[in-house]
Protein backbone atom coordinates (compact mmCIF):
# COMPACT_ATOMS: atom_id res chain seq x y z
CA UNK A 1 28.56 46.08 -11.35
CA UNK A 2 30.54 44.13 -8.49
CA UNK A 3 29.44 41.03 -7.52
CA UNK A 4 30.61 38.85 -4.44
CA UNK A 5 29.80 34.81 -4.12
CA UNK A 6 30.56 32.97 -0.76
CA UNK A 7 32.00 29.11 -1.36
CA UNK A 8 31.50 27.02 2.02
CA UNK A 9 33.61 24.43 3.43
CA UNK A 10 31.90 21.37 2.37
CA UNK A 11 33.54 18.93 0.08
CA UNK A 12 31.59 18.49 -3.21
CA UNK A 13 32.34 16.00 -6.27
CA UNK A 14 30.63 16.72 -9.43
CA UNK A 15 29.63 13.02 -10.82
CA UNK A 16 30.30 12.31 -14.35
CA UNK A 17 28.09 9.25 -13.76
CA UNK A 18 24.69 9.54 -16.07
CA UNK A 19 21.25 9.21 -14.98
CA UNK A 20 19.96 6.34 -16.62
CA UNK A 21 16.46 7.64 -16.82
CA UNK A 22 17.74 9.83 -19.63
CA UNK A 23 17.16 13.20 -18.09
CA UNK A 24 20.83 14.28 -18.30
CA UNK A 25 21.70 17.59 -18.77
CA UNK A 26 23.78 19.71 -21.76
CA UNK A 27 26.95 21.27 -20.75
CA UNK A 28 25.41 24.82 -21.22
CA UNK A 29 27.36 25.97 -17.84
CA UNK A 30 30.22 24.19 -17.19
CA UNK A 31 30.54 24.37 -13.41
CA UNK A 32 32.91 22.77 -11.05
CA UNK A 33 33.17 23.36 -7.55
CA UNK A 34 35.54 21.61 -4.89
CA UNK A 35 36.43 23.49 -1.75
CA UNK A 36 38.01 22.63 1.50
CA UNK A 37 38.33 19.14 2.44
CA UNK A 38 37.97 19.66 5.87
CA UNK A 39 35.77 16.95 7.37
CA UNK A 40 34.26 18.43 10.03
CA UNK A 41 31.47 20.35 7.73
CA UNK A 42 29.47 17.86 5.49
CA UNK A 43 26.35 19.70 5.18
CA UNK A 44 24.87 17.46 8.30
CA UNK A 45 25.04 14.14 6.54
CA UNK A 46 24.11 11.24 8.95
CA UNK A 47 26.80 10.30 10.90
CA UNK A 48 27.59 6.64 9.50
CA UNK A 49 27.51 8.07 5.77
CA UNK A 50 31.24 7.99 4.60
CA UNK A 51 31.68 11.26 2.36
CA UNK A 52 33.86 11.48 -0.65
CA UNK A 53 36.63 14.01 -0.44
CA UNK A 54 38.68 16.13 -2.70
CA UNK A 55 41.70 17.86 -2.08
CA UNK A 56 41.60 20.83 -3.74
CA UNK A 57 40.52 24.50 -3.20
CA UNK A 58 39.84 25.95 -6.26
CA UNK A 59 36.28 26.94 -7.40
CA UNK A 60 36.07 27.46 -11.11
CA UNK A 61 33.33 29.08 -12.67
CA UNK A 62 33.16 29.20 -16.88
CA UNK A 63 29.64 30.21 -18.18
CA UNK A 64 29.44 29.68 -22.34
CA UNK A 65 26.85 32.43 -22.35
CA UNK A 66 29.33 34.72 -24.06
CA UNK A 67 32.79 35.19 -25.10
CA UNK A 68 33.54 36.50 -21.67
CA UNK A 69 35.20 34.17 -19.44
CA UNK A 70 35.05 34.49 -15.81
CA UNK A 71 37.49 32.79 -13.40
CA UNK A 72 37.08 32.96 -9.67
CA UNK A 73 39.36 31.28 -7.59
CA UNK A 74 38.93 30.85 -3.73
CA UNK A 75 41.46 31.67 -1.49
CA UNK A 76 43.77 28.54 -0.26
CA UNK A 77 44.26 28.17 3.57
CA UNK A 78 42.51 25.92 6.37
CA UNK A 79 39.59 28.14 6.37
CA UNK A 80 37.75 28.71 2.99
CA UNK A 81 34.20 29.55 4.53
CA UNK A 82 33.16 32.96 3.87
CA UNK A 83 35.69 33.91 1.28
CA UNK A 84 34.60 36.54 -0.90
CA UNK A 85 35.35 35.89 -4.74
CA UNK A 86 35.66 39.27 -6.17
CA UNK A 87 34.48 39.23 -10.13
CA UNK A 88 35.39 41.93 -12.87
CA UNK A 89 33.10 44.41 -13.88
CA UNK A 90 32.92 43.18 -17.40
CA UNK A 91 30.86 39.79 -16.03
CA UNK A 92 27.63 40.91 -15.72
CA UNK A 93 26.60 38.14 -17.95
CA UNK A 94 28.43 35.60 -15.93
CA UNK A 95 26.94 37.04 -12.83
CA UNK A 96 22.97 36.87 -14.55
CA UNK A 97 23.87 33.58 -15.70
CA UNK A 98 24.47 32.24 -11.67
CA UNK A 99 21.56 33.95 -10.30
CA UNK A 100 19.68 32.18 -13.05
CA UNK A 101 21.43 28.76 -11.89
CA UNK A 102 20.54 29.33 -8.33
CA UNK A 103 16.63 29.66 -8.89
CA UNK A 104 16.68 26.84 -11.05
CA UNK A 105 18.77 24.93 -8.27
CA UNK A 106 15.91 26.23 -5.47
CA UNK A 107 13.09 25.28 -8.04
CA UNK A 108 14.58 21.84 -8.18
CA UNK A 109 14.99 21.71 -4.62
CA UNK A 110 11.27 22.73 -3.92
CA UNK A 111 9.73 20.31 -6.47
CA UNK A 112 11.88 17.56 -4.68
CA UNK A 113 10.75 18.21 -1.46
CA UNK A 114 6.84 18.73 -2.34
CA UNK A 115 7.16 15.49 -4.09
CA UNK A 116 9.12 13.46 -1.11
CA UNK A 117 5.84 15.36 0.97
CA UNK A 118 3.42 13.94 -0.66
CA UNK A 119 4.78 10.43 -0.41
CA UNK A 120 5.67 11.01 3.23
CA UNK A 121 1.50 11.90 3.56
CA UNK A 122 1.03 8.68 1.85
CA UNK A 123 -3.31 7.91 2.24
CA UNK A 124 -3.45 10.83 4.05
CA UNK A 125 -7.13 12.55 3.63
CA UNK A 126 -4.84 15.84 3.18
CA UNK A 127 -3.24 14.45 0.38
CA UNK A 128 -4.83 15.82 -2.90
CA UNK A 129 -5.00 12.85 -5.58
CA UNK A 130 -6.38 13.98 -9.22
CA UNK A 131 -8.84 11.30 -10.13
CA UNK A 132 -6.69 10.21 -13.67
CA UNK A 133 -4.44 9.15 -10.82
CA UNK A 134 -6.73 6.54 -9.16
CA UNK A 135 -8.20 4.27 -11.83
CA UNK A 136 -11.41 2.23 -10.74
CA UNK A 137 -11.69 -1.82 -10.71
CA UNK A 138 -14.55 -4.41 -9.65
CA UNK A 139 -11.73 -5.43 -7.07
CA UNK A 140 -13.30 -8.27 -5.67
CA UNK A 141 -14.67 -10.27 -8.66
CA UNK A 142 -11.54 -9.29 -11.04
CA UNK A 143 -8.61 -9.94 -8.55
CA UNK A 144 -6.19 -12.97 -9.12
CA UNK A 145 -4.13 -14.69 -5.76
CA UNK A 146 -1.40 -12.43 -6.85
CA UNK A 147 -3.42 -9.21 -6.77
CA UNK A 148 -3.76 -8.57 -10.15
CA UNK A 149 -6.33 -7.35 -11.63
CA UNK A 150 -8.11 -8.69 -15.05
CA UNK A 151 -10.43 -7.45 -17.51
CA UNK A 152 -13.15 -9.65 -16.94
CA UNK A 153 -14.90 -11.33 -13.62
CA UNK A 154 -13.13 -14.30 -12.37
CA UNK A 155 -14.96 -17.57 -11.60
CA UNK A 156 -16.87 -17.41 -8.06
CA UNK A 157 -16.18 -21.02 -7.10
CA UNK A 158 -12.46 -22.88 -7.94
CA UNK A 159 -12.49 -25.87 -10.09
CA UNK A 160 -11.20 -29.21 -8.63
CA UNK A 161 -8.02 -28.67 -10.20
CA UNK A 162 -7.42 -25.24 -8.28
CA UNK A 163 -8.75 -27.23 -5.58
CA UNK A 164 -5.94 -30.09 -6.14
CA UNK A 165 -3.09 -27.54 -6.36
CA UNK A 166 -4.03 -25.74 -3.02
CA UNK A 167 -4.01 -28.79 -1.28
CA UNK A 168 -0.48 -29.99 -2.69
CA UNK A 169 0.66 -26.29 -2.04
CA UNK A 170 0.23 -26.68 1.58
CA UNK A 171 1.84 -30.18 1.69
CA UNK A 172 4.70 -28.48 0.07
CA UNK A 173 4.51 -25.57 2.82
CA UNK A 174 5.44 -27.85 5.45
CA UNK A 175 8.14 -29.63 3.84
CA UNK A 176 9.85 -26.34 2.57
CA UNK A 177 9.15 -24.73 6.33
CA UNK A 178 11.52 -27.48 7.38
CA UNK A 179 14.28 -26.96 4.53
CA UNK A 180 14.47 -23.01 5.15
CA UNK A 181 15.41 -23.78 8.95
CA UNK A 182 18.09 -26.30 7.95
CA UNK A 183 18.92 -23.84 4.69
CA UNK A 184 21.72 -25.04 2.18
CA UNK A 185 21.68 -23.73 -1.18
CA UNK A 186 23.59 -25.96 -2.80
CA UNK A 187 21.94 -29.17 -1.72
CA UNK A 188 20.22 -30.93 -4.39
CA UNK A 189 17.07 -30.89 -2.80
CA UNK A 190 16.62 -27.30 -2.88
CA UNK A 191 17.40 -27.12 -6.50
CA UNK A 192 14.63 -29.81 -7.20
CA UNK A 193 12.47 -27.99 -5.06
CA UNK A 194 12.71 -24.18 -6.86
CA UNK A 195 12.24 -26.32 -10.05
CA UNK A 196 8.73 -27.23 -8.99
CA UNK A 197 7.95 -24.13 -7.60
CA UNK A 198 8.38 -22.37 -4.66
CA UNK A 199 4.97 -21.92 -2.67
CA UNK A 200 3.44 -18.59 -2.40
CA UNK A 201 3.54 -18.27 1.16
CA UNK A 202 7.13 -19.60 1.21
CA UNK A 203 8.32 -17.22 -1.39
CA UNK A 204 9.24 -14.50 1.21
CA UNK A 205 11.77 -16.07 3.14
CA UNK A 206 12.68 -18.40 -0.11
CA UNK A 207 14.00 -15.51 -1.82
CA UNK A 208 15.06 -13.80 1.15
CA UNK A 209 17.51 -16.46 1.83
CA UNK A 210 18.19 -17.29 -2.04
CA UNK A 211 19.70 -13.11 -1.99
CA UNK A 212 21.32 -13.13 1.24
CA UNK A 213 18.73 -10.19 2.57
CA UNK A 214 19.07 -10.96 6.05
CA UNK A 215 22.91 -10.98 6.50
CA UNK A 216 22.80 -7.73 4.60
CA UNK A 217 20.86 -5.72 6.90
CA UNK A 218 22.63 -7.11 9.87
CA UNK A 219 25.96 -6.08 8.07
CA UNK A 220 24.63 -2.51 7.20
CA UNK A 221 22.80 -1.12 10.13
CA UNK A 222 20.74 2.09 9.34
CA UNK A 223 22.48 2.42 5.68
CA UNK A 224 19.08 1.96 4.26
CA UNK A 225 17.62 4.88 6.75
CA UNK A 226 20.66 7.10 5.71
CA UNK A 227 20.55 6.96 2.13
CA UNK A 228 16.83 7.78 2.30
CA UNK A 229 17.72 10.57 4.25
CA UNK A 230 20.47 11.82 1.77
CA UNK A 231 17.69 11.11 -1.12
CA UNK A 232 15.17 13.64 0.40
CA UNK A 233 17.87 16.08 0.61
CA UNK A 234 20.31 15.67 -3.31
CA UNK A 235 17.95 13.20 -4.95
CA UNK A 236 18.41 14.17 -8.69
CA UNK A 237 16.21 10.91 -10.03
CA UNK A 238 13.03 11.89 -7.94
CA UNK A 239 11.04 13.32 -10.73
CA UNK A 240 11.64 10.31 -12.85
CA UNK A 241 10.94 7.69 -9.90
CA UNK A 242 7.91 9.63 -9.36
CA UNK A 243 6.65 8.95 -12.73
CA UNK A 244 7.24 5.15 -13.01
CA UNK A 245 6.17 4.85 -9.64
CA UNK A 246 2.81 6.22 -10.65
CA UNK A 247 2.38 3.80 -14.04
CA UNK A 248 4.54 0.74 -12.41
CA UNK A 249 1.84 -2.18 -11.86
CA UNK A 250 -1.13 0.25 -11.11
CA UNK A 251 -3.21 -3.53 -12.41
CA UNK A 252 -2.32 -4.62 -8.81
CA UNK A 253 -4.70 -4.04 -5.62
CA UNK A 254 -1.20 -3.49 -3.99
CA UNK A 255 -0.33 -0.26 -6.26
CA UNK A 256 -3.57 0.76 -7.47
CA UNK A 257 -4.16 3.57 -5.12
CA UNK A 258 -2.00 6.62 -5.77
CA UNK A 259 0.51 6.91 -2.57
CA UNK A 260 -0.30 3.85 -1.17
CA UNK A 261 1.76 1.93 0.95
CA UNK A 262 3.78 -0.16 -1.55
CA UNK A 263 3.71 2.96 -3.36
CA UNK A 264 5.66 4.86 -1.22
CA UNK A 265 7.82 1.97 -0.28
CA UNK A 266 8.97 1.62 -3.97
CA UNK A 267 9.86 5.17 -4.21
CA UNK A 268 11.45 5.29 -1.22
CA UNK A 269 14.22 1.82 -2.16
CA UNK A 270 14.33 3.87 -5.82
CA UNK A 271 15.91 7.13 -4.37
CA UNK A 272 17.55 5.13 -1.85
CA UNK A 273 19.42 3.30 -4.04
CA UNK A 274 19.91 6.03 -6.54
CA UNK A 275 22.13 7.84 -3.43
CA UNK A 276 23.55 4.40 -2.13
CA UNK A 277 24.99 3.86 -6.27
CA UNK A 278 25.49 6.69 -7.54
CA UNK A 279 27.74 5.44 -10.76
CA UNK A 280 24.32 3.82 -11.63
CA UNK A 281 21.77 6.18 -10.40
CA UNK A 282 18.33 5.01 -11.82
CA UNK A 283 17.19 3.46 -14.99
CA UNK A 284 13.75 2.83 -15.90
CA UNK A 285 13.35 -1.15 -15.51
CA UNK A 286 14.54 -1.09 -11.84
CA UNK A 287 11.53 0.36 -10.73
CA UNK A 288 9.56 -3.01 -12.12
CA UNK A 289 11.93 -5.36 -10.19
CA UNK A 290 12.28 -3.66 -6.89
CA UNK A 291 8.17 -3.61 -7.45
CA UNK A 292 8.16 -7.27 -7.85
CA UNK A 293 10.56 -7.66 -5.20
CA UNK A 294 7.92 -5.63 -2.96
CA UNK A 295 5.17 -7.67 -3.34
CA UNK A 296 6.96 -10.17 -0.81
CA UNK A 297 9.12 -8.04 1.21
CA UNK A 298 9.29 -4.98 3.43
CA UNK A 299 10.93 -1.64 2.26
CA UNK A 300 14.54 -2.30 3.57
CA UNK A 301 14.85 -6.05 2.72
CA UNK A 302 13.63 -5.13 -1.11
CA UNK A 303 16.53 -2.37 -0.79
CA UNK A 304 18.94 -4.75 -0.55
CA UNK A 305 17.36 -7.79 -2.50
CA UNK A 306 17.80 -4.95 -5.53
CA UNK A 307 21.40 -4.26 -4.44
CA UNK A 308 22.06 -8.16 -4.93
CA UNK A 309 20.57 -8.29 -8.08
CA UNK A 310 22.46 -5.15 -9.28
CA UNK A 311 26.13 -5.81 -7.93
CA UNK A 312 26.21 -9.77 -7.16
CA UNK A 313 27.85 -11.93 -10.22
CA UNK A 314 25.49 -14.29 -10.01
CA UNK A 315 23.23 -12.01 -11.53
CA UNK A 316 25.19 -8.58 -12.57
CA UNK A 317 22.56 -6.59 -13.23
CA UNK A 318 24.43 -3.44 -12.67
CA UNK A 319 26.02 -3.92 -16.97
CA UNK A 320 22.30 -3.73 -17.75
CA UNK A 321 21.61 -0.43 -16.14
CA UNK A 322 24.83 1.43 -16.77
CA UNK A 323 25.31 3.94 -19.59
CA UNK A 324 25.85 1.88 -23.13
CA UNK A 325 23.75 -1.13 -21.70
CA UNK A 326 27.06 -3.45 -22.24
CA UNK A 327 25.45 -6.61 -20.47
CA UNK A 328 22.49 -5.94 -22.82
CA UNK A 329 24.50 -5.69 -26.35
CA UNK A 330 26.56 -8.88 -25.07
CA UNK A 331 23.39 -11.30 -24.12
CA UNK A 332 21.62 -9.80 -27.45
CA UNK A 333 25.10 -11.18 -29.63
CA UNK A 334 24.92 -14.59 -27.79
CA UNK A 335 20.99 -14.68 -28.09
CA UNK A 336 21.70 -14.41 -31.61
CA UNK A 337 24.18 -16.98 -31.60
CA UNK A 338 22.04 -19.71 -30.31
CA UNK A 339 19.18 -19.00 -32.48
CA UNK A 340 21.42 -19.47 -35.26
CA UNK A 341 22.47 -22.80 -34.24
CA UNK A 342 19.56 -24.04 -32.78
CA UNK A 343 16.97 -22.39 -34.85
CA UNK A 344 18.47 -21.27 -38.02
CA UNK A 345 15.12 -21.57 -39.51
CA UNK A 346 13.04 -19.10 -37.10
CA UNK A 347 16.37 -16.73 -37.08
CA UNK A 348 16.67 -16.53 -40.89
CA UNK A 349 12.73 -15.69 -40.60
CA UNK A 350 13.17 -12.92 -38.14
CA UNK A 351 16.33 -11.45 -40.15
CA UNK A 352 13.84 -11.38 -43.15
CA UNK A 353 10.94 -9.11 -41.47
CA UNK A 354 13.53 -7.09 -39.98
CA UNK A 355 12.90 -8.69 -36.42
CA UNK A 356 15.91 -7.89 -34.38
CA UNK A 357 16.21 -8.84 -30.75
CA UNK A 358 16.42 -5.77 -29.30
CA UNK A 359 12.98 -5.26 -30.39
CA UNK A 360 11.33 -8.19 -28.34
CA UNK A 361 13.72 -9.23 -25.69
CA UNK A 362 14.34 -6.09 -23.82
CA UNK A 363 11.82 -7.21 -20.54
CA UNK A 364 13.46 -10.07 -21.20
CA UNK A 365 16.50 -9.28 -20.20
CA UNK A 366 15.69 -6.38 -17.66
CA UNK A 367 13.20 -7.06 -15.58
CA UNK A 368 13.24 -11.11 -16.07
CA UNK A 369 10.70 -11.62 -18.23
CA UNK A 370 7.85 -9.84 -16.13
CA UNK A 371 5.04 -8.35 -18.41
CA UNK A 372 5.92 -10.49 -21.21
CA UNK A 373 4.81 -14.01 -19.52
CA UNK A 374 1.55 -14.62 -17.19
CA UNK A 375 2.57 -13.56 -13.91
CA UNK A 376 2.32 -16.78 -12.46
CA UNK A 377 4.92 -18.24 -14.88
CA UNK A 378 7.33 -14.90 -13.96
CA UNK A 379 7.41 -16.26 -10.71
CA UNK A 380 8.61 -19.67 -11.25
CA UNK A 381 10.99 -18.14 -13.71
CA UNK A 382 12.04 -15.94 -10.82
CA UNK A 383 12.27 -18.71 -8.63
CA UNK A 384 14.95 -20.22 -11.07
CA UNK A 385 17.11 -17.39 -11.41
CA UNK A 386 17.55 -16.57 -7.99
CA UNK A 387 18.69 -19.98 -7.70
CA UNK A 388 20.95 -20.38 -10.52
CA UNK A 389 21.53 -16.88 -11.92
CA UNK A 390 21.97 -15.28 -15.29
CA UNK A 391 21.77 -18.29 -17.58
CA UNK A 392 18.56 -18.83 -16.74
CA UNK A 393 17.89 -15.94 -18.67
CA UNK A 394 19.24 -17.06 -21.63
CA UNK A 395 18.07 -20.27 -21.39
CA UNK A 396 13.97 -19.24 -21.14
CA UNK A 397 14.37 -16.63 -23.95
CA UNK A 398 15.57 -19.60 -26.36
CA UNK A 399 12.98 -21.85 -24.73
CA UNK A 400 10.22 -19.17 -25.46
CA UNK A 401 10.81 -19.03 -29.18
CA UNK A 402 11.23 -22.59 -29.12
CA UNK A 403 7.83 -23.46 -27.98
CA UNK A 404 6.45 -21.05 -30.24
CA UNK A 405 8.32 -21.63 -33.25
CA UNK A 406 6.21 -23.00 -35.45
CA UNK A 407 3.17 -20.16 -35.01
CA UNK A 408 5.71 -17.50 -35.13
CA UNK A 409 7.25 -18.54 -38.80
CA UNK A 410 3.26 -18.36 -39.95
CA UNK A 411 3.41 -14.38 -38.81
CA UNK A 412 4.67 -12.59 -41.77
CA UNK A 413 5.29 -9.50 -40.86
CA UNK A 414 7.43 -7.54 -38.28
CA UNK A 415 4.64 -6.05 -36.43
CA UNK A 416 2.47 -9.42 -35.96
CA UNK A 417 5.76 -11.12 -34.83
CA UNK A 418 6.42 -8.13 -32.28
CA UNK A 419 2.89 -8.21 -30.84
CA UNK A 420 2.84 -12.20 -30.87
CA UNK A 421 6.43 -11.94 -28.37
CA UNK A 422 5.52 -8.58 -26.75
CA UNK A 423 1.60 -8.91 -26.09
CA UNK A 424 0.06 -12.49 -26.82
CA UNK A 425 2.08 -14.33 -24.55
CA UNK A 426 1.19 -12.19 -21.77
CA UNK A 427 -2.23 -12.80 -22.11
CA UNK A 428 -2.31 -16.46 -22.51
CA UNK A 429 0.86 -18.30 -23.23
CA UNK A 430 -0.45 -21.28 -24.39
CA UNK A 431 1.27 -23.94 -21.88
CA UNK A 432 0.66 -24.22 -18.90
CA UNK A 433 3.35 -23.11 -15.95
CA UNK A 434 4.53 -26.87 -15.33
CA UNK A 435 4.92 -27.79 -19.01
CA UNK A 436 7.12 -24.66 -19.79
CA UNK A 437 9.17 -24.73 -16.36
CA UNK A 438 9.98 -28.53 -17.66
CA UNK A 439 10.77 -27.29 -21.03
CA UNK A 440 13.20 -24.78 -19.44
CA UNK A 441 15.20 -27.38 -17.48
CA UNK A 442 15.66 -29.36 -20.85
CA UNK A 443 16.89 -26.15 -22.63
CA UNK A 444 19.43 -25.44 -19.57
CA UNK A 445 20.55 -29.18 -20.30
CA UNK A 446 20.95 -28.82 -23.97
CA UNK A 447 22.51 -25.64 -23.86
CA UNK A 448 25.33 -26.58 -21.61
CA UNK A 449 26.05 -29.67 -23.75
CA UNK A 450 26.59 -27.14 -26.61
CA UNK A 451 28.39 -24.99 -24.48
CA UNK A 452 26.31 -22.07 -24.74
CA UNK A 453 24.29 -22.00 -21.47
CA UNK A 454 26.95 -19.30 -20.27
CA UNK A 455 27.22 -16.02 -22.70
CA UNK A 456 30.57 -14.94 -22.76
CA UNK A 457 32.86 -13.32 -20.02
CA UNK A 458 32.02 -9.67 -18.93
CA UNK A 459 33.71 -6.94 -19.22
CA UNK A 460 35.12 -4.61 -16.64
CA UNK A 461 32.79 -1.75 -17.63
CA UNK A 462 29.64 -4.30 -16.24
CA UNK A 463 30.60 -3.96 -12.83
CA UNK A 464 30.55 -0.81 -10.42
CA UNK A 465 33.78 1.09 -9.51
CA UNK A 466 33.34 3.63 -7.25
CA UNK A 467 32.38 2.88 -3.61
CA UNK A 468 28.85 1.92 -2.97
CA UNK A 469 27.01 3.88 0.18
CA UNK A 470 29.47 6.46 -0.37
CA UNK A 471 27.55 9.96 -1.21
CA UNK A 472 28.56 11.82 -4.01
CA UNK A 473 26.84 15.13 -4.80
CA UNK A 474 25.93 15.80 -8.37
CA UNK A 475 26.90 18.30 -10.39
CA UNK A 476 24.75 21.45 -11.61
CA UNK A 477 23.42 20.43 -14.45
CA UNK A 478 22.37 17.15 -13.09
CA UNK A 479 20.69 19.17 -10.10
CA UNK A 480 18.50 21.35 -12.25
CA UNK A 481 17.53 18.54 -14.52
CA UNK A 482 18.62 19.61 -17.97
CA UNK A 483 18.23 17.48 -20.43
CA UNK A 484 21.02 16.99 -23.03
CA UNK A 485 20.67 17.83 -26.65
CA UNK A 486 23.00 15.12 -28.17
CA UNK A 487 23.69 11.55 -27.38
CA UNK A 488 26.76 10.57 -25.38
CA UNK A 489 29.53 8.81 -27.12
CA UNK A 490 28.43 5.42 -25.25
CA UNK A 491 24.62 6.14 -26.66
CA UNK A 492 26.03 6.27 -30.20
CA UNK A 493 28.23 3.28 -30.15
CA UNK A 494 25.33 1.66 -29.00
CA UNK A 495 22.84 2.88 -31.90
CA UNK A 496 26.01 1.44 -33.84
CA UNK A 497 26.31 -1.99 -32.44
CA UNK A 498 22.57 -2.64 -33.11
CA UNK A 499 22.67 -1.08 -36.54
CA UNK A 500 26.20 -3.26 -37.12
CA UNK A 501 24.21 -6.70 -35.94
CA UNK A 502 21.23 -6.28 -37.81
CA UNK A 503 23.51 -5.85 -40.86
CA UNK A 504 25.30 -8.79 -39.84
CA UNK A 505 22.49 -10.91 -39.52
CA UNK A 506 21.34 -9.68 -43.06
CA UNK A 507 24.46 -10.63 -45.00
CA UNK A 508 24.84 -13.93 -43.21
CA UNK A 509 20.70 -14.27 -44.46
CA UNK A 510 21.43 -13.51 -47.64
CA UNK A 511 24.82 -15.92 -48.05
CA UNK A 512 22.52 -18.89 -46.72
CA UNK A 513 19.12 -18.19 -49.00
CA UNK A 514 22.54 -17.72 -51.85
CA UNK A 515 23.98 -21.07 -51.02
CA UNK A 516 20.46 -22.90 -50.68
CA UNK A 517 19.57 -21.52 -54.12
CA UNK A 518 22.42 -22.52 -55.62
CA UNK A 519 22.30 -26.31 -54.18
CA UNK A 520 18.25 -26.54 -55.18
CA UNK A 521 19.57 -25.58 -58.95
CA UNK A 522 22.28 -28.27 -58.58
CA UNK A 523 20.25 -30.69 -57.63
CA UNK A 524 17.92 -30.02 -60.05
CA UNK A 525 20.83 -30.22 -63.08
CA UNK A 526 21.81 -33.44 -61.53
CA UNK A 527 17.97 -35.21 -61.61
CA UNK A 528 17.50 -33.40 -65.08
CA UNK A 529 20.49 -35.39 -66.35
CA UNK A 530 19.44 -38.36 -64.78
CA UNK A 531 16.02 -38.50 -66.49
């Protein structure tokens, strides 16, 4: 059976970057397609979108479905469009595999379009939503000022303390409006007022100033729109993003209703960014960051704010989300180093009960404490983080453990320690926000004195290598959405690092206990001899 395959004159680069929601594909069919680099045909991409080019005109299609191998080579020359590539009669299995692949690609494209259509319809009555996707709440009695819903009714009247706080915040609004009109982030007055807490009504303009959002939008006109248009055609992350949007902040009135305005904005921002930064794509955790930003910003503003958090060296979150999570490893090691120096007894207690930092600190580092401490306190930490950068994360992590050290030492098993840090502190932190922020400021100073406020320098793999905003079409396996059956070498190394760090900590604890036991015995013998 003869078969004819046509290739179009389109530049396609198979991306080697992995999707960090870990829907990565197994190499069942190793297919690499690169064709004529004629820039006149770019699959109708937006005019403002640069397209990566490759000056190769050879198409290789190799299947591993049998020992037979078919190599199809496109004719070289200026016009590679509609060049027939003939297969051998012995390649029936390869052709069948290719047909199956085309069907899977079409199914993935149809699914992507269907998901985008649902978000485009939004709250339109024709957009059918399953009842389980829209939880019901007694909204008007259990929703706080940030839009988050609680398990029980909130007080119908505000107490005198809350009324006083409201009065003070209104006065501070006026000061912030004047300061924003003459913005200088290096001014000591800015720092002092940020540590006092940005007033809720001023958080939108203040965060935009701290992240240079307006300047980025002005410097990149229509870039967000073009990335979103490309995402609708080519995003391979759409299924995972759709799933995460459906879970994110469902206890907040802005995200409660399926396909609400904010849900649609979150979906758009994450898909557009997966195209804008193809090296990173999408990783779970980015939805939480973008979700917080969208509570205070418009869609395009949140896109550029997210980009700043990821690529600006002040925050450098790219290294947290890229495959292998190199920044997470670096921060965990630094966190352990601080604990062993400043809270040695607590560190030994954790090691005794096999409580590795990775078990309780993932959301501390990945989403800056959101959903691990009360939301009002998390916003205060975000205010300071946007001003001062990543050293705030290190200091806040230690501050939490320092404030709750005595209670943590009373807990005698891993499960109760993890539950306390992950669940109980989110519901009731035990200290008011002002007290915690004052403790955080003291901790920042203490760590600086000890030269522990900044983690060791990052390696090159924590920063983007490929140009941003340059469209790179995904490989076939990623388009289809096959999952890999094995860990990558980078992922294996992460697992090894965690095990190695746990073993090193265990050895340290054992040696310390042996030393202390020996020291106690010596002291006892001396006392006996003296008596």
